[in-house]
Amino acid sequence: MAYDSKFKSADLDELFDGILTLKDREDCYRFFEDICTVNEIYAISQRLQVAKLLAAKKTYNEIEEITKASTATISRINKCLLYGADGYTRVLERLEEKK
């Protein structure tokens, strides 16, 4: 069953199709350095680390100490893990499979 995002649009489809053309880390660095600010890149990276730590059952205090993320950010990501579109979960599982 295909996922029907509430954000679906032709522009987002094209963005995601572009991301899917990236072949390696170098492509990712080059593309994301061009399309995002440094702070946006770090924020996205931090969110994935928070999700990873939440999935590993770390406490908010531990996560805050490790990632320097605010408790509001940690809480928002936790809500995504519990009630979201399973995006974090799918990525974390695939990263784990690659190990």
N, C-alpha and C. Protein backbone atom coordinates (compact mmCIF):
# COMPACT_ATOMS: atom_id res chain seq x y z
N MET A 1 0.85 -1.18 0.00
CA MET A 1 0.00 0.00 0.00
C MET A 1 0.89 1.24 0.00
N ALA A 2 0.62 2.14 -0.89
CA ALA A 2 1.41 3.38 -1.00
C ALA A 2 1.02 4.35 0.11
N TYR A 3 2.00 5.07 0.58
CA TYR A 3 1.77 6.07 1.62
C TYR A 3 1.22 7.34 0.98
N ASP A 4 0.15 7.88 1.53
CA ASP A 4 -0.48 9.10 1.01
C ASP A 4 -0.17 10.25 1.96
N SER A 5 0.89 10.98 1.68
CA SER A 5 1.32 12.08 2.54
C SER A 5 0.37 13.27 2.41
N LYS A 6 0.13 13.94 3.53
CA LYS A 6 -0.70 15.15 3.50
C LYS A 6 0.06 16.33 2.89
N PHE A 7 1.37 16.17 2.67
CA PHE A 7 2.20 17.22 2.09
C PHE A 7 2.48 17.00 0.61
N LYS A 8 1.95 15.95 0.04
CA LYS A 8 2.28 15.56 -1.34
C LYS A 8 2.04 16.71 -2.32
N SER A 9 3.06 16.94 -3.16
CA SER A 9 2.95 17.94 -4.22
C SER A 9 3.95 17.59 -5.31
N ALA A 10 3.75 18.16 -6.47
CA ALA A 10 4.67 17.91 -7.58
C ALA A 10 6.07 18.42 -7.25
N ASP A 11 6.16 19.57 -6.58
CA ASP A 11 7.47 20.11 -6.21
C ASP A 11 8.21 19.18 -5.25
N LEU A 12 7.50 18.66 -4.25
CA LEU A 12 8.14 17.73 -3.31
C LEU A 12 8.50 16.42 -3.99
N ASP A 13 7.63 15.94 -4.89
CA ASP A 13 7.97 14.74 -5.65
C ASP A 13 9.28 14.94 -6.39
N GLU A 14 9.45 16.10 -7.02
CA GLU A 14 10.68 16.37 -7.76
C GLU A 14 11.89 16.45 -6.84
N LEU A 15 11.71 17.09 -5.68
CA LEU A 15 12.81 17.14 -4.70
C LEU A 15 13.22 15.73 -4.29
N PHE A 16 12.25 14.91 -3.92
CA PHE A 16 12.56 13.55 -3.47
C PHE A 16 13.14 12.70 -4.59
N ASP A 17 12.64 12.89 -5.82
CA ASP A 17 13.23 12.19 -6.96
C ASP A 17 14.69 12.60 -7.13
N GLY A 18 14.98 13.89 -6.92
CA GLY A 18 16.36 14.36 -6.99
C GLY A 18 17.23 13.72 -5.92
N ILE A 19 16.72 13.65 -4.70
CA ILE A 19 17.46 13.03 -3.60
C ILE A 19 17.73 11.56 -3.92
N LEU A 20 16.75 10.89 -4.51
CA LEU A 20 16.92 9.48 -4.85
C LEU A 20 17.97 9.24 -5.94
N THR A 21 18.39 10.30 -6.64
CA THR A 21 19.45 10.15 -7.64
C THR A 21 20.84 10.19 -7.02
N LEU A 22 20.95 10.61 -5.76
CA LEU A 22 22.26 10.71 -5.11
C LEU A 22 22.85 9.32 -4.97
N LYS A 23 24.10 9.17 -5.36
CA LYS A 23 24.70 7.84 -5.45
C LYS A 23 25.59 7.48 -4.27
N ASP A 24 26.14 8.48 -3.59
CA ASP A 24 27.07 8.17 -2.51
C ASP A 24 27.13 9.35 -1.54
N ARG A 25 27.94 9.22 -0.49
CA ARG A 25 28.06 10.27 0.51
C ARG A 25 28.53 11.58 -0.09
N GLU A 26 29.47 11.49 -1.02
CA GLU A 26 29.97 12.73 -1.64
C GLU A 26 28.83 13.47 -2.32
N ASP A 27 27.99 12.75 -3.07
CA ASP A 27 26.83 13.38 -3.70
C ASP A 27 25.94 14.03 -2.64
N CYS A 28 25.74 13.33 -1.53
CA CYS A 28 24.89 13.86 -0.45
C CYS A 28 25.49 15.13 0.14
N TYR A 29 26.78 15.11 0.45
CA TYR A 29 27.43 16.31 0.99
C TYR A 29 27.28 17.47 0.02
N ARG A 30 27.57 17.22 -1.25
CA ARG A 30 27.51 18.30 -2.24
C ARG A 30 26.09 18.87 -2.36
N PHE A 31 25.11 17.99 -2.48
CA PHE A 31 23.73 18.44 -2.66
C PHE A 31 23.21 19.17 -1.42
N PHE A 32 23.39 18.56 -0.25
CA PHE A 32 22.83 19.16 0.96
C PHE A 32 23.56 20.44 1.36
N GLU A 33 24.85 20.54 1.06
CA GLU A 33 25.55 21.81 1.31
C GLU A 33 25.00 22.92 0.43
N ASP A 34 24.55 22.57 -0.76
CA ASP A 34 23.97 23.57 -1.66
C ASP A 34 22.52 23.91 -1.30
N ILE A 35 21.75 22.92 -0.89
CA ILE A 35 20.31 23.14 -0.71
C ILE A 35 19.93 23.59 0.71
N CYS A 36 20.76 23.28 1.68
CA CYS A 36 20.47 23.61 3.08
C CYS A 36 21.52 24.56 3.65
N THR A 37 21.13 25.26 4.70
CA THR A 37 22.14 26.01 5.46
C THR A 37 22.89 25.02 6.34
N VAL A 38 24.03 25.45 6.84
CA VAL A 38 24.80 24.61 7.75
C VAL A 38 23.94 24.23 8.96
N ASN A 39 23.22 25.20 9.51
CA ASN A 39 22.37 24.92 10.68
C ASN A 39 21.27 23.93 10.37
N GLU A 40 20.70 24.00 9.16
CA GLU A 40 19.66 23.03 8.78
C GLU A 40 20.22 21.62 8.69
N ILE A 41 21.40 21.50 8.12
CA ILE A 41 22.04 20.19 8.02
C ILE A 41 22.30 19.61 9.41
N TYR A 42 22.84 20.42 10.30
CA TYR A 42 23.11 19.96 11.66
C TYR A 42 21.82 19.62 12.39
N ALA A 43 20.76 20.40 12.19
CA ALA A 43 19.48 20.14 12.85
C ALA A 43 18.89 18.80 12.39
N ILE A 44 18.95 18.54 11.09
CA ILE A 44 18.45 17.27 10.57
C ILE A 44 19.26 16.10 11.13
N SER A 45 20.56 16.26 11.16
CA SER A 45 21.44 15.22 11.70
C SER A 45 21.13 14.98 13.18
N GLN A 46 20.95 16.06 13.92
CA GLN A 46 20.65 15.95 15.35
C GLN A 46 19.33 15.21 15.56
N ARG A 47 18.34 15.50 14.75
CA ARG A 47 17.03 14.83 14.89
C ARG A 47 17.15 13.33 14.68
N LEU A 48 17.94 12.93 13.70
CA LEU A 48 18.12 11.49 13.47
C LEU A 48 18.82 10.85 14.67
N GLN A 49 19.81 11.54 15.23
CA GLN A 49 20.51 11.00 16.41
C GLN A 49 19.56 10.89 17.60
N VAL A 50 18.69 11.89 17.78
CA VAL A 50 17.70 11.84 18.85
C VAL A 50 16.77 10.65 18.65
N ALA A 51 16.29 10.45 17.43
CA ALA A 51 15.41 9.32 17.14
C ALA A 51 16.11 8.00 17.44
N LYS A 52 17.37 7.91 17.06
CA LYS A 52 18.15 6.70 17.31
C LYS A 52 18.26 6.43 18.81
N LEU A 53 18.52 7.46 19.60
CA LEU A 53 18.65 7.31 21.04
C LEU A 53 17.31 7.00 21.70
N LEU A 54 16.23 7.61 21.21
CA LEU A 54 14.90 7.29 21.73
C LEU A 54 14.56 5.83 21.45
N ALA A 55 14.89 5.37 20.25
CA ALA A 55 14.64 3.98 19.89
C ALA A 55 15.46 3.03 20.76
N ALA A 56 16.61 3.50 21.24
CA ALA A 56 17.46 2.70 22.13
C ALA A 56 17.04 2.85 23.60
N LYS A 57 15.89 3.52 23.82
CA LYS A 57 15.31 3.67 25.16
C LYS A 57 16.13 4.54 26.12
N LYS A 58 16.89 5.48 25.56
CA LYS A 58 17.60 6.44 26.40
C LYS A 58 16.61 7.44 26.98
N THR A 59 16.93 8.01 28.12
CA THR A 59 16.05 9.00 28.74
C THR A 59 16.23 10.36 28.07
N TYR A 60 15.25 11.23 28.28
CA TYR A 60 15.36 12.58 27.74
C TYR A 60 16.62 13.27 28.25
N ASN A 61 16.94 13.08 29.53
CA ASN A 61 18.15 13.71 30.09
C ASN A 61 19.41 13.19 29.42
N GLU A 62 19.47 11.90 29.20
CA GLU A 62 20.64 11.32 28.51
C GLU A 62 20.74 11.86 27.09
N ILE A 63 19.62 11.92 26.40
CA ILE A 63 19.61 12.40 25.02
C ILE A 63 20.01 13.86 24.95
N GLU A 64 19.48 14.66 25.87
CA GLU A 64 19.82 16.08 25.92
C GLU A 64 21.32 16.26 26.14
N GLU A 65 21.88 15.47 27.03
CA GLU A 65 23.32 15.55 27.32
C GLU A 65 24.16 15.15 26.11
N ILE A 66 23.76 14.07 25.43
CA ILE A 66 24.53 13.55 24.30
C ILE A 66 24.42 14.45 23.08
N THR A 67 23.19 14.89 22.76
CA THR A 67 22.96 15.59 21.49
C THR A 67 22.86 17.10 21.62
N LYS A 68 22.66 17.58 22.82
CA LYS A 68 22.42 19.01 23.09
C LYS A 68 21.09 19.48 22.50
N ALA A 69 20.21 18.55 22.15
CA ALA A 69 18.87 18.90 21.66
C ALA A 69 18.02 19.35 22.84
N SER A 70 17.10 20.26 22.58
CA SER A 70 16.19 20.71 23.62
C SER A 70 15.18 19.60 23.93
N THR A 71 14.58 19.68 25.11
CA THR A 71 13.57 18.69 25.46
C THR A 71 12.35 18.83 24.54
N ALA A 72 12.08 20.03 24.05
CA ALA A 72 10.98 20.22 23.10
C ALA A 72 11.25 19.45 21.81
N THR A 73 12.48 19.51 21.31
CA THR A 73 12.85 18.77 20.11
C THR A 73 12.76 17.27 20.35
N ILE A 74 13.26 16.84 21.49
CA ILE A 74 13.22 15.41 21.83
C ILE A 74 11.77 14.94 21.91
N SER A 75 10.92 15.72 22.53
CA SER A 75 9.51 15.37 22.66
C SER A 75 8.82 15.30 21.30
N ARG A 76 9.12 16.25 20.42
CA ARG A 76 8.52 16.27 19.08
C ARG A 76 8.93 15.02 18.30
N ILE A 77 10.19 14.64 18.41
CA ILE A 77 10.68 13.45 17.70
C ILE A 77 10.06 12.19 18.30
N ASN A 78 9.91 12.18 19.61
CA ASN A 78 9.27 11.04 20.27
C ASN A 78 7.83 10.88 19.77
N LYS A 79 7.12 11.99 19.60
CA LYS A 79 5.75 11.92 19.07
C LYS A 79 5.75 11.37 17.65
N CYS A 80 6.75 11.76 16.85
CA CYS A 80 6.87 11.22 15.50
C CYS A 80 7.09 9.71 15.54
N LEU A 81 7.93 9.26 16.45
CA LEU A 81 8.18 7.83 16.57
C LEU A 81 6.93 7.07 16.99
N LEU A 82 6.14 7.68 17.84
CA LEU A 82 4.94 7.00 18.36
C LEU A 82 3.74 7.11 17.42
N TYR A 83 3.57 8.29 16.81
CA TYR A 83 2.33 8.54 16.07
C TYR A 83 2.55 9.03 14.64
N GLY A 84 3.78 9.06 14.19
CA GLY A 84 4.10 9.65 12.89
C GLY A 84 3.95 8.67 11.73
N ALA A 85 4.63 8.99 10.67
CA ALA A 85 4.53 8.25 9.41
C ALA A 85 5.53 7.11 9.31
N ASP A 86 6.24 6.80 10.38
CA ASP A 86 7.24 5.72 10.44
C ASP A 86 8.50 6.01 9.63
N GLY A 87 8.72 7.26 9.28
CA GLY A 87 9.91 7.63 8.52
C GLY A 87 11.19 7.37 9.28
N TYR A 88 11.23 7.85 10.53
CA TYR A 88 12.42 7.61 11.34
C TYR A 88 12.65 6.11 11.51
N THR A 89 11.60 5.40 11.84
CA THR A 89 11.72 3.96 12.10
C THR A 89 12.26 3.22 10.89
N ARG A 90 11.74 3.56 9.72
CA ARG A 90 12.19 2.89 8.50
C ARG A 90 13.68 3.15 8.25
N VAL A 91 14.10 4.39 8.42
CA VAL A 91 15.50 4.74 8.19
C VAL A 91 16.40 4.06 9.23
N LEU A 92 16.00 4.11 10.50
CA LEU A 92 16.81 3.50 11.55
C LEU A 92 16.94 1.99 11.34
N GLU A 93 15.86 1.33 10.94
CA GLU A 93 15.93 -0.10 10.68
C GLU A 93 16.86 -0.40 9.51
N ARG A 94 16.80 0.40 8.46
CA ARG A 94 17.65 0.18 7.30
C ARG A 94 19.11 0.44 7.62
N LEU A 95 19.37 1.45 8.44
CA LEU A 95 20.75 1.71 8.86
C LEU A 95 21.28 0.54 9.68
N GLU A 96 20.44 0.01 10.54
CA GLU A 96 20.85 -1.13 11.37
C GLU A 96 21.14 -2.36 10.50
N GLU A 97 20.32 -2.56 9.48
CA GLU A 97 20.52 -3.69 8.56
C GLU A 97 21.86 -3.59 7.83
N LYS A 98 22.31 -2.36 7.56
CA LYS A 98 23.57 -2.16 6.82
C LYS A 98 24.79 -2.49 7.67
N LYS A 99 24.63 -2.53 8.98
CA LYS A 99 25.78 -2.79 9.86
C LYS A 99 26.26 -4.20 9.77
